[in-house]
């Protein structure tokens, strides 16, 4: 049997664990013990669940993290550091842990589901989970929509006929988020929360790592924070070391520009015609698809009037969504991978669009590298563009789109993190590429070729289907 570890909560974390608020969050610097406290909280709540008719304390929890790799390598590691291996077992395929032990009086049955936001099957399952409660790890990387969904799913296990949950709710941890982040607006500014409901949301702020009241120092190497600041910029130190709220999320690609856009009144409700509308798409063949709806304003640059994203849906779903909005479309702009044919249908996404909307209303956008596309998007955000309030989810994704963190270099790389924000951000890059390149087209410097004519699927031969397969799959087995 593994040696038992004794957990002693720091003052802020002790107050955090004693709270029964429906949604609560602890904010603090890196290394302050937040994640450990949240894992202990899961076990503590499981043992406080009232016994059901069969005498068993039953509960079901979900643990959320931004990406699967973070969930596997960081969140699970913290979980296993505190949870004895002998009291439970893993279902690796479902990424679920089931614990069974006794508190000396009653058996305890605790189910913990680990879910990430960059796997579409995980996102879809969130909508149907029956949960006691939820733990969101590093909530500043999570969209507000996920918390909204969790609020609807917790408190539903055990069923009422079995006694119901003794307590239900959501707890979160995070490094300090930017002042434009939904978390700061919710917990600090109470935006969207009625006066009588503010007790449902509670925030706990730990002291900075270099302050006299710093927490968890006894579990960190001597001089930990002093070494951590070496070579880091002031905003990074402000967030990760001193536990203060930065101006923008660290590593954010578009965050500072979105902030300036908001300051000049570029985000809000405005009237616009419903004709002359373009769409720009990022197509997720196995995960999310993001769509921006835009018109050219009097300054000759886009007004972003609408946004839509969904996970794991067939193309017909997006066609129906586009059509039901009642806009009159000029053209639907697709990325270059829309030309790829699929073995399932024998046709490309582009060809399916042409069949639906006609060749004159569908086009492949200009081809730019990732870095050039990001620069085009930055250029566009500096223009007199406007975002309608209907684009709130899309704006949140643009704020959250960030460079990946390199653990070895302890710095942000120049490669964007692929997470929940990627598809909407990529679709916005395509808006920017079209906007910038069409300015060149107007001067005769660039020409976008028309799409190929649609192909009747019934005329495709077996030999043609064979050539559509990727080369790696063409090896004949004897």
Protein backbone atom coordinates (compact mmCIF):
# COMPACT_ATOMS: atom_id res chain seq x y z
CA UNK A 1 0.00 0.00 0.00
CA UNK A 2 1.30 3.44 -0.91
CA UNK A 3 2.28 5.74 1.93
CA UNK A 4 -0.57 8.10 2.81
CA UNK A 5 -0.02 11.81 2.31
CA UNK A 6 -1.42 14.37 4.72
CA UNK A 7 -2.98 17.40 3.12
CA UNK A 8 -2.92 20.75 4.91
CA UNK A 9 -4.67 23.60 3.11
CA UNK A 10 -3.21 27.10 3.00
CA UNK A 11 -5.45 29.85 4.48
CA UNK A 12 -7.01 30.98 1.17
CA UNK A 13 -7.52 27.40 0.01
CA UNK A 14 -9.09 26.48 3.36
CA UNK A 15 -11.69 29.23 2.93
CA UNK A 16 -12.21 28.09 -0.66
CA UNK A 17 -12.93 24.51 0.44
CA UNK A 18 -15.32 25.60 3.16
CA UNK A 19 -17.46 27.53 0.71
CA UNK A 20 -20.73 26.05 -0.53
CA UNK A 21 -21.18 28.60 -3.33
CA UNK A 22 -22.67 27.12 -6.47
CA UNK A 23 -19.75 28.37 -8.59
CA UNK A 24 -16.44 29.30 -6.96
CA UNK A 25 -12.97 29.96 -8.23
CA UNK A 26 -9.54 30.29 -6.66
CA UNK A 27 -7.07 32.58 -8.44
CA UNK A 28 -3.36 32.58 -7.66
CA UNK A 29 0.21 32.41 -8.94
CA UNK A 30 1.80 29.28 -10.36
CA UNK A 31 2.88 26.79 -7.68
CA UNK A 32 0.44 28.04 -5.04
CA UNK A 33 -1.29 24.68 -4.47
CA UNK A 34 -4.55 25.47 -6.28
CA UNK A 35 -4.83 22.24 -8.26
CA UNK A 36 -4.02 20.05 -5.26
CA UNK A 37 -6.73 21.78 -3.24
CA UNK A 38 -9.25 21.18 -6.02
CA UNK A 39 -8.43 17.45 -6.21
CA UNK A 40 -8.80 17.13 -2.44
CA UNK A 41 -12.09 18.98 -2.69
CA UNK A 42 -13.37 16.32 -5.09
CA UNK A 43 -12.63 13.50 -2.63
CA UNK A 44 -13.96 15.51 0.31
CA UNK A 45 -17.28 16.19 -1.39
CA UNK A 46 -17.59 12.55 -2.44
CA UNK A 47 -17.26 11.46 1.20
CA UNK A 48 -19.81 14.04 2.34
CA UNK A 49 -22.48 12.80 -0.06
CA UNK A 50 -25.37 11.39 1.97
CA UNK A 51 -25.84 7.61 1.68
CA UNK A 52 -28.52 6.43 -0.71
CA UNK A 53 -31.20 3.81 0.03
CA UNK A 54 -28.55 1.09 -0.34
CA UNK A 55 -26.23 2.82 2.14
CA UNK A 56 -23.66 3.81 -0.50
CA UNK A 57 -22.36 7.36 -0.89
CA UNK A 58 -22.62 7.76 -4.69
CA UNK A 59 -21.38 10.71 -6.70
CA UNK A 60 -20.27 11.52 -10.25
CA UNK A 61 -17.92 14.35 -11.20
CA UNK A 62 -16.35 15.73 -14.34
CA UNK A 63 -12.88 17.30 -14.58
CA UNK A 64 -12.42 19.77 -17.46
CA UNK A 65 -9.20 21.02 -19.06
CA UNK A 66 -8.57 22.95 -22.26
CA UNK A 67 -6.66 20.30 -24.22
CA UNK A 68 -6.34 16.54 -23.97
CA UNK A 69 -2.55 16.69 -23.57
CA UNK A 70 -2.87 19.12 -20.64
CA UNK A 71 -5.55 16.94 -19.09
CA UNK A 72 -3.43 13.80 -19.46
CA UNK A 73 -0.02 15.19 -18.54
CA UNK A 74 -0.86 17.81 -15.91
CA UNK A 75 -4.35 17.45 -14.42
CA UNK A 76 -4.25 13.66 -14.18
CA UNK A 77 -0.76 13.79 -12.69
CA UNK A 78 -1.97 16.03 -9.86
CA UNK A 79 -4.98 13.76 -9.33
CA UNK A 80 -2.81 10.66 -9.01
CA UNK A 81 -0.41 12.39 -6.62
CA UNK A 82 -3.21 12.71 -4.06
CA UNK A 83 -5.54 9.78 -4.79
CA UNK A 84 -4.26 6.38 -3.57
CA UNK A 85 -4.04 3.91 -6.46
CA UNK A 86 -5.57 1.10 -4.40
CA UNK A 87 -8.95 2.82 -3.92
CA UNK A 88 -9.83 3.05 -7.60
CA UNK A 89 -9.07 2.08 -11.18
CA UNK A 90 -8.91 3.73 -14.60
CA UNK A 91 -10.91 3.01 -17.72
CA UNK A 92 -8.31 4.35 -20.13
CA UNK A 93 -10.51 4.23 -23.20
CA UNK A 94 -13.21 6.35 -21.55
CA UNK A 95 -10.60 8.34 -19.57
CA UNK A 96 -12.65 7.77 -16.43
CA UNK A 97 -11.61 6.89 -12.88
CA UNK A 98 -13.91 4.90 -10.58
CA UNK A 99 -13.13 4.80 -6.88
CA UNK A 100 -14.60 2.48 -4.28
CA UNK A 101 -13.64 2.63 -0.63
CA UNK A 102 -15.20 2.89 2.81
CA UNK A 103 -15.26 5.77 5.25
CA UNK A 104 -15.59 3.29 8.12
CA UNK A 105 -19.36 3.51 8.15
CA UNK A 106 -20.56 3.59 4.56
CA UNK A 107 -19.17 2.45 1.20
CA UNK A 108 -18.17 5.31 -1.12
CA UNK A 109 -18.60 5.03 -4.89
CA UNK A 110 -17.04 7.94 -6.77
CA UNK A 111 -16.93 8.27 -10.57
CA UNK A 112 -14.67 10.92 -12.13
CA UNK A 113 -14.88 11.69 -15.86
CA UNK A 114 -11.92 13.55 -17.42
CA UNK A 115 -12.87 15.64 -20.45
CA UNK A 116 -11.00 18.05 -22.73
CA UNK A 117 -12.26 20.72 -25.11
CA UNK A 118 -10.19 19.86 -28.19
CA UNK A 119 -11.84 16.45 -28.64
CA UNK A 120 -15.30 16.84 -30.21
CA UNK A 121 -16.62 13.66 -28.63
CA UNK A 122 -15.87 15.14 -25.19
CA UNK A 123 -17.62 18.41 -25.98
CA UNK A 124 -20.72 16.62 -27.27
CA UNK A 125 -20.90 14.39 -24.19
CA UNK A 126 -20.93 17.41 -21.88
CA UNK A 127 -24.41 18.18 -23.14
CA UNK A 128 -25.85 14.93 -21.82
CA UNK A 129 -23.93 14.23 -18.61
CA UNK A 130 -25.77 13.66 -15.34
CA UNK A 131 -23.38 15.00 -12.69
CA UNK A 132 -23.02 15.76 -9.02
CA UNK A 133 -20.46 18.49 -9.66
CA UNK A 134 -17.60 19.68 -11.83
CA UNK A 135 -13.99 20.82 -11.45
CA UNK A 136 -12.59 23.15 -14.15
CA UNK A 137 -8.78 23.19 -14.17
CA UNK A 138 -7.19 26.44 -15.45
CA UNK A 139 -10.53 28.08 -16.11
CA UNK A 140 -9.02 31.10 -17.87
CA UNK A 141 -8.42 28.78 -20.85
CA UNK A 142 -12.07 27.65 -20.91
CA UNK A 143 -14.91 29.44 -22.75
CA UNK A 144 -17.79 30.77 -20.69
CA UNK A 145 -20.18 28.59 -22.71
CA UNK A 146 -18.71 25.47 -21.08
CA UNK A 147 -19.41 26.80 -17.59
CA UNK A 148 -22.95 27.66 -18.70
CA UNK A 149 -23.45 24.07 -19.86
CA UNK A 150 -22.01 22.65 -16.64
CA UNK A 151 -24.42 24.75 -14.57
CA UNK A 152 -27.22 22.83 -16.29
CA UNK A 153 -25.64 19.38 -15.84
CA UNK A 154 -24.58 19.42 -12.16
CA UNK A 155 -27.02 18.51 -9.39
CA UNK A 156 -28.53 15.68 -11.47
CA UNK A 157 -26.76 12.72 -9.85
CA UNK A 158 -27.73 10.81 -7.78
CA UNK A 159 -31.31 10.93 -8.99
CA UNK A 160 -33.88 12.51 -6.69
CA UNK A 161 -35.49 9.12 -6.03
CA UNK A 162 -32.14 7.97 -4.65
CA UNK A 163 -31.82 10.95 -2.35
CA UNK A 164 -30.27 13.46 -4.75
CA UNK A 165 -26.90 15.17 -4.26
CA UNK A 166 -26.05 16.52 -0.81
CA UNK A 167 -24.17 19.37 -2.51
CA UNK A 168 -23.76 20.23 -6.17
CA UNK A 169 -21.86 22.91 -7.99
CA UNK A 170 -18.71 23.90 -9.87
CA UNK A 171 -15.28 24.81 -8.54
CA UNK A 172 -12.40 26.16 -10.58
CA UNK A 173 -8.77 27.17 -10.33
CA UNK A 174 -6.72 29.47 -12.53
CA UNK A 175 -3.75 31.76 -12.85
CA UNK A 176 -4.98 35.36 -12.97
CA UNK A 177 -7.00 36.11 -16.06
CA UNK A 178 -6.98 39.36 -18.03
CA UNK A 179 -9.45 42.06 -17.08
CA UNK A 180 -11.30 41.51 -20.37
CA UNK A 181 -11.81 37.81 -19.59
CA UNK A 182 -15.28 36.51 -18.80
CA UNK A 183 -14.04 35.27 -15.42
CA UNK A 184 -12.99 38.73 -14.27
CA UNK A 185 -16.26 40.20 -15.51
CA UNK A 186 -18.30 37.50 -13.78
CA UNK A 187 -16.58 37.22 -10.41
CA UNK A 188 -15.16 40.71 -9.95
CA UNK A 189 -17.50 42.99 -11.90
CA UNK A 190 -20.60 40.73 -11.52
CA UNK A 191 -21.62 41.40 -15.12
CA UNK A 192 -24.80 39.56 -16.01
CA UNK A 193 -25.46 38.55 -12.39
CA UNK A 194 -28.45 39.92 -10.51
CA UNK A 195 -27.82 41.44 -7.08
CA UNK A 196 -29.76 38.66 -5.37
CA UNK A 197 -27.72 35.97 -7.16
CA UNK A 198 -24.21 37.21 -6.35
CA UNK A 199 -23.87 34.78 -3.43
CA UNK A 200 -23.95 31.96 -5.98
CA UNK A 201 -20.55 33.07 -7.36
CA UNK A 202 -17.55 33.39 -5.05
CA UNK A 203 -13.94 34.31 -5.82
CA UNK A 204 -10.88 33.52 -3.68
CA UNK A 205 -7.62 35.37 -4.44
CA UNK A 206 -4.31 34.02 -3.18
CA UNK A 207 -1.42 36.37 -2.33
CA UNK A 208 1.45 36.74 -4.79
CA UNK A 209 4.39 34.35 -4.73
CA UNK A 210 6.85 37.04 -3.62
CA UNK A 211 4.62 38.59 -0.96
CA UNK A 212 5.14 37.93 2.79
CA UNK A 213 1.82 36.04 2.83
CA UNK A 214 2.77 33.73 -0.09
CA UNK A 215 1.18 30.28 0.22
CA UNK A 216 2.57 26.78 -0.35
CA UNK A 217 6.22 27.89 -0.09
CA UNK A 218 6.95 24.89 2.14
CA UNK A 219 6.27 22.61 -0.84
CA UNK A 220 8.38 24.58 -3.33
CA UNK A 221 12.18 24.63 -3.82
CA UNK A 222 14.00 27.50 -2.03
CA UNK A 223 14.06 30.63 -4.18
CA UNK A 224 11.42 29.23 -6.56
CA UNK A 225 9.77 32.53 -7.48
CA UNK A 226 13.04 34.49 -7.59
CA UNK A 227 14.35 32.10 -10.24
CA UNK A 228 11.04 32.06 -12.08
CA UNK A 229 11.12 35.77 -12.91
CA UNK A 230 14.48 35.61 -14.67
CA UNK A 231 14.11 36.42 -18.35
CA UNK A 232 10.33 36.99 -18.16
CA UNK A 233 8.49 40.14 -19.19
CA UNK A 234 6.58 42.31 -16.73
CA UNK A 235 3.11 41.05 -17.76
CA UNK A 236 4.16 37.41 -17.37
CA UNK A 237 5.58 38.07 -13.90
CA UNK A 238 2.46 40.03 -12.97
CA UNK A 239 0.22 37.06 -13.74
CA UNK A 240 2.21 33.92 -12.94
CA UNK A 241 4.35 35.13 -10.03
CA UNK A 242 2.68 38.09 -8.33
CA UNK A 243 -0.89 36.83 -8.82
CA UNK A 244 -2.16 40.10 -10.31
CA UNK A 245 -4.56 40.52 -13.20
CA UNK A 246 -2.65 41.30 -16.44
CA UNK A 247 -3.78 43.66 -19.17
CA UNK A 248 -4.15 40.72 -21.59
CA UNK A 249 -3.90 36.96 -21.41
CA UNK A 250 -0.31 35.85 -21.72
CA UNK A 251 0.57 34.60 -25.18
CA UNK A 252 -2.64 36.04 -26.63
CA UNK A 253 -2.34 36.58 -30.37
CA UNK A 254 -5.18 39.05 -30.84
CA UNK A 255 -5.99 40.07 -27.23
CA UNK A 256 -4.40 43.56 -27.20
CA UNK A 257 -6.02 44.44 -30.53
CA UNK A 258 -9.44 43.23 -29.35
CA UNK A 259 -9.02 45.42 -26.26
CA UNK A 260 -8.30 48.49 -28.41
CA UNK A 261 -11.23 47.59 -30.66
CA UNK A 262 -13.52 47.47 -27.64
CA UNK A 263 -12.18 50.76 -26.27
CA UNK A 264 -12.99 52.58 -29.51
CA UNK A 265 -16.54 51.20 -29.54
CA UNK A 266 -15.97 48.60 -32.22
CA UNK A 267 -18.02 45.93 -30.40
CA UNK A 268 -21.75 46.37 -29.87
CA UNK A 269 -25.18 46.44 -31.42
CA UNK A 270 -25.59 48.25 -34.73
CA UNK A 271 -28.07 48.27 -37.58
CA UNK A 272 -27.07 46.76 -40.91
CA UNK A 273 -28.78 45.50 -44.07
CA UNK A 274 -29.25 41.77 -44.52
CA UNK A 275 -28.05 41.72 -48.12
CA UNK A 276 -24.50 41.78 -49.44
CA UNK A 277 -23.35 39.19 -46.87
CA UNK A 278 -20.24 37.01 -47.18
CA UNK A 279 -19.26 33.98 -45.10
CA UNK A 280 -15.77 32.71 -44.28
CA UNK A 281 -15.36 29.14 -43.07
CA UNK A 282 -12.89 26.96 -41.24
CA UNK A 283 -13.91 23.37 -41.88
CA UNK A 284 -13.37 20.80 -39.16
CA UNK A 285 -13.79 17.44 -40.84
CA UNK A 286 -13.67 15.55 -37.55
CA UNK A 287 -14.19 18.29 -34.96
CA UNK A 288 -15.42 21.92 -35.05
CA UNK A 289 -16.43 24.15 -37.94
CA UNK A 290 -16.37 27.93 -37.47
CA UNK A 291 -18.21 30.47 -39.64
CA UNK A 292 -18.04 34.28 -39.71
CA UNK A 293 -20.78 36.31 -41.44
CA UNK A 294 -19.67 39.72 -42.69
CA UNK A 295 -20.49 42.69 -44.88
CA UNK A 296 -18.28 45.38 -46.35
CA UNK A 297 -18.88 48.69 -44.53
CA UNK A 298 -18.58 52.26 -45.81
CA UNK A 299 -14.84 52.20 -45.12
CA UNK A 300 -14.37 49.23 -47.45
CA UNK A 301 -13.54 46.75 -44.65
CA UNK A 302 -15.68 44.01 -43.07
CA UNK A 303 -18.32 44.45 -40.42
CA UNK A 304 -18.57 41.12 -38.59
CA UNK A 305 -22.34 40.73 -38.16
CA UNK A 306 -22.70 37.13 -37.01
CA UNK A 307 -20.81 34.01 -35.97
CA UNK A 308 -21.53 30.31 -35.63
CA UNK A 309 -19.59 27.24 -34.50
CA UNK A 310 -20.59 23.65 -33.86
CA UNK A 311 -18.82 20.34 -33.27
CA UNK A 312 -19.02 17.08 -35.17
CA UNK A 313 -21.99 17.99 -37.38
CA UNK A 314 -22.51 16.99 -41.03
CA UNK A 315 -22.17 19.63 -43.72
CA UNK A 316 -25.97 19.69 -44.17
CA UNK A 317 -26.27 21.03 -40.60
CA UNK A 318 -24.16 24.08 -41.48
CA UNK A 319 -26.01 24.64 -44.75
CA UNK A 320 -29.30 24.72 -42.83
CA UNK A 321 -27.83 27.06 -40.22
CA UNK A 322 -26.56 29.47 -42.88
CA UNK A 323 -29.86 29.43 -44.77
CA UNK A 324 -32.10 29.93 -41.74
CA UNK A 325 -30.46 33.25 -40.82
CA UNK A 326 -32.20 35.04 -43.65
CA UNK A 327 -29.18 36.83 -45.12
CA UNK A 328 -28.74 37.41 -48.85
CA UNK A 329 -25.32 35.99 -49.65
CA UNK A 330 -22.83 37.29 -52.18
CA UNK A 331 -20.22 34.57 -51.74
CA UNK A 332 -19.13 31.80 -49.39
CA UNK A 333 -15.33 31.78 -48.93
CA UNK A 334 -13.76 28.40 -48.18
CA UNK A 335 -10.24 27.36 -47.13
CA UNK A 336 -7.96 25.44 -49.49
CA UNK A 337 -8.62 22.06 -47.89
CA UNK A 338 -12.21 22.33 -49.17
CA UNK A 339 -10.87 20.99 -52.47
CA UNK A 340 -10.02 17.61 -50.91
CA UNK A 341 -12.35 14.79 -51.89
CA UNK A 342 -13.64 12.33 -49.32
CA UNK A 343 -14.01 8.62 -49.90
CA UNK A 344 -17.39 8.65 -48.16
CA UNK A 345 -19.05 10.94 -50.70
CA UNK A 346 -16.60 10.85 -53.60
CA UNK A 347 -16.83 14.63 -53.82
CA UNK A 348 -15.08 17.58 -52.22
CA UNK A 349 -16.54 20.07 -49.78
CA UNK A 350 -16.15 22.66 -52.50
CA UNK A 351 -18.24 20.63 -54.93
CA UNK A 352 -20.97 20.16 -52.33
CA UNK A 353 -21.06 23.93 -51.77
CA UNK A 354 -21.31 24.52 -55.53
CA UNK A 355 -24.22 22.08 -55.80
CA UNK A 356 -25.99 23.90 -52.95
CA UNK A 357 -25.28 27.55 -53.80
CA UNK A 358 -23.99 27.65 -57.37
CA UNK A 359 -20.49 28.20 -58.74
CA UNK A 360 -20.79 31.99 -58.78
CA UNK A 361 -21.41 32.14 -55.00
CA UNK A 362 -18.59 29.87 -53.82
CA UNK A 363 -14.84 30.52 -53.90
CA UNK A 364 -11.57 29.36 -52.39
CA UNK A 365 -9.90 32.10 -50.39
CA UNK A 366 -6.39 33.45 -51.02
CA UNK A 367 -3.64 31.11 -49.86
CA UNK A 368 -1.36 32.62 -47.22
CA UNK A 369 0.94 30.97 -44.71
CA UNK A 370 -0.19 30.72 -41.07
CA UNK A 371 2.06 33.59 -40.01
CA UNK A 372 1.00 35.77 -42.94
CA UNK A 373 -2.63 34.96 -42.14
CA UNK A 374 -2.14 36.02 -38.52
CA UNK A 375 -0.55 39.25 -39.70
CA UNK A 376 -3.50 39.83 -42.03
CA UNK A 377 -5.89 39.31 -39.12
CA UNK A 378 -3.96 41.80 -37.00
CA UNK A 379 -4.07 44.26 -39.89
CA UNK A 380 -7.83 43.83 -40.13
CA UNK A 381 -8.37 44.41 -36.40
CA UNK A 382 -6.56 47.73 -36.74
CA UNK A 383 -8.99 48.85 -39.47
CA UNK A 384 -12.38 50.51 -38.73
CA UNK A 385 -14.14 47.14 -38.45
CA UNK A 386 -17.10 46.50 -36.18
CA UNK A 387 -18.26 43.32 -34.40
CA UNK A 388 -21.97 42.93 -33.72
CA UNK A 389 -22.91 41.73 -30.24
CA UNK A 390 -24.17 38.52 -31.87
CA UNK A 391 -20.48 37.66 -32.32
CA UNK A 392 -19.81 37.44 -28.56
CA UNK A 393 -18.71 33.78 -28.68
CA UNK A 394 -16.47 34.49 -31.66
CA UNK A 395 -14.85 37.48 -29.92
CA UNK A 396 -14.19 35.33 -26.85
CA UNK A 397 -12.43 32.80 -29.07
CA UNK A 398 -10.27 35.53 -30.65
CA UNK A 399 -9.30 36.77 -27.19
CA UNK A 400 -8.36 33.24 -26.13
CA UNK A 401 -6.42 32.27 -29.26
CA UNK A 402 -2.83 32.08 -28.03
CA UNK A 403 0.63 30.75 -28.70
CA UNK A 404 1.47 27.33 -27.27
CA UNK A 405 3.53 27.22 -24.10
CA UNK A 406 6.90 25.47 -24.41
CA UNK A 407 7.52 23.70 -21.09
CA UNK A 408 11.21 23.09 -21.82
CA UNK A 409 11.98 26.66 -22.85
CA UNK A 410 9.52 28.06 -20.26
CA UNK A 411 8.31 30.50 -22.89
CA UNK A 412 5.59 30.83 -25.53
CA UNK A 413 6.43 29.32 -28.90
CA UNK A 414 5.51 30.89 -32.24
CA UNK A 415 2.99 28.13 -32.89
CA UNK A 416 -0.66 28.74 -31.92
CA UNK A 417 -2.20 26.30 -29.47
CA UNK A 418 -4.77 24.04 -31.12
CA UNK A 419 -7.75 24.20 -28.79
CA UNK A 420 -11.41 25.21 -28.69
CA UNK A 421 -10.62 28.70 -30.01
CA UNK A 422 -8.66 27.56 -33.08
CA UNK A 423 -11.43 27.04 -35.63
CA UNK A 424 -13.12 30.38 -35.09
CA UNK A 425 -9.72 32.12 -35.08
CA UNK A 426 -8.73 30.35 -38.30
CA UNK A 427 -12.01 31.35 -39.93
CA UNK A 428 -11.29 34.96 -38.95
CA UNK A 429 -7.85 34.70 -40.55
CA UNK A 430 -9.62 33.72 -43.75
CA UNK A 431 -11.88 36.78 -43.46
CA UNK A 432 -8.76 38.92 -43.17
CA UNK A 433 -7.02 37.21 -46.09
CA UNK A 434 -10.02 37.80 -48.34
CA UNK A 435 -10.36 41.42 -47.19
CA UNK A 436 -6.69 42.17 -47.78
CA UNK A 437 -6.36 40.31 -51.07
CA UNK A 438 -9.55 41.71 -52.57
CA UNK A 439 -8.11 45.19 -52.10
CA UNK A 440 -5.31 43.98 -54.38
CA UNK A 441 -7.83 42.47 -56.78
CA UNK A 442 -9.48 45.86 -57.11
CA UNK A 443 -6.11 47.19 -58.30
CA UNK A 444 -5.66 44.26 -60.69
CA UNK A 445 -2.80 42.73 -58.70
CA UNK A 446 -4.43 39.40 -57.88
CA UNK A 447 -7.05 37.11 -59.36
CA UNK A 448 -8.96 34.42 -57.47
CA UNK A 449 -9.69 31.56 -59.90
CA UNK A 450 -13.29 30.34 -60.10
CA UNK A 451 -14.12 26.96 -58.53
CA UNK A 452 -14.38 23.88 -60.76
CA UNK A 453 -17.78 22.82 -62.02
CA UNK A 454 -19.80 20.43 -59.88
CA UNK A 455 -19.47 16.72 -60.72
CA UNK A 456 -22.40 14.32 -60.82
CA UNK A 457 -21.46 11.70 -58.21
CA UNK A 458 -23.12 8.95 -60.23
CA UNK A 459 -20.50 9.33 -62.95
CA UNK A 460 -17.51 8.58 -60.68
CA UNK A 461 -15.85 5.24 -61.46
CA UNK A 462 -14.21 2.79 -59.04
CA UNK A 463 -10.80 3.64 -60.54
CA UNK A 464 -11.37 7.31 -59.74
CA UNK A 465 -12.41 6.44 -56.18
CA UNK A 466 -9.14 4.52 -55.82
CA UNK A 467 -7.08 7.55 -56.89
CA UNK A 468 -8.93 9.73 -54.38
CA UNK A 469 -7.55 7.66 -51.51
CA UNK A 470 -4.45 9.02 -49.77
CA UNK A 471 -1.29 7.44 -51.16
CA UNK A 472 -0.52 5.78 -47.83
CA UNK A 473 -3.77 3.80 -48.14
CA UNK A 474 -3.31 2.60 -51.73
CA UNK A 475 -1.12 -0.42 -50.96
CA UNK A 476 -2.85 -3.51 -52.22
CA UNK A 477 -2.98 -6.44 -49.85
CA UNK A 478 -2.42 -9.85 -51.36
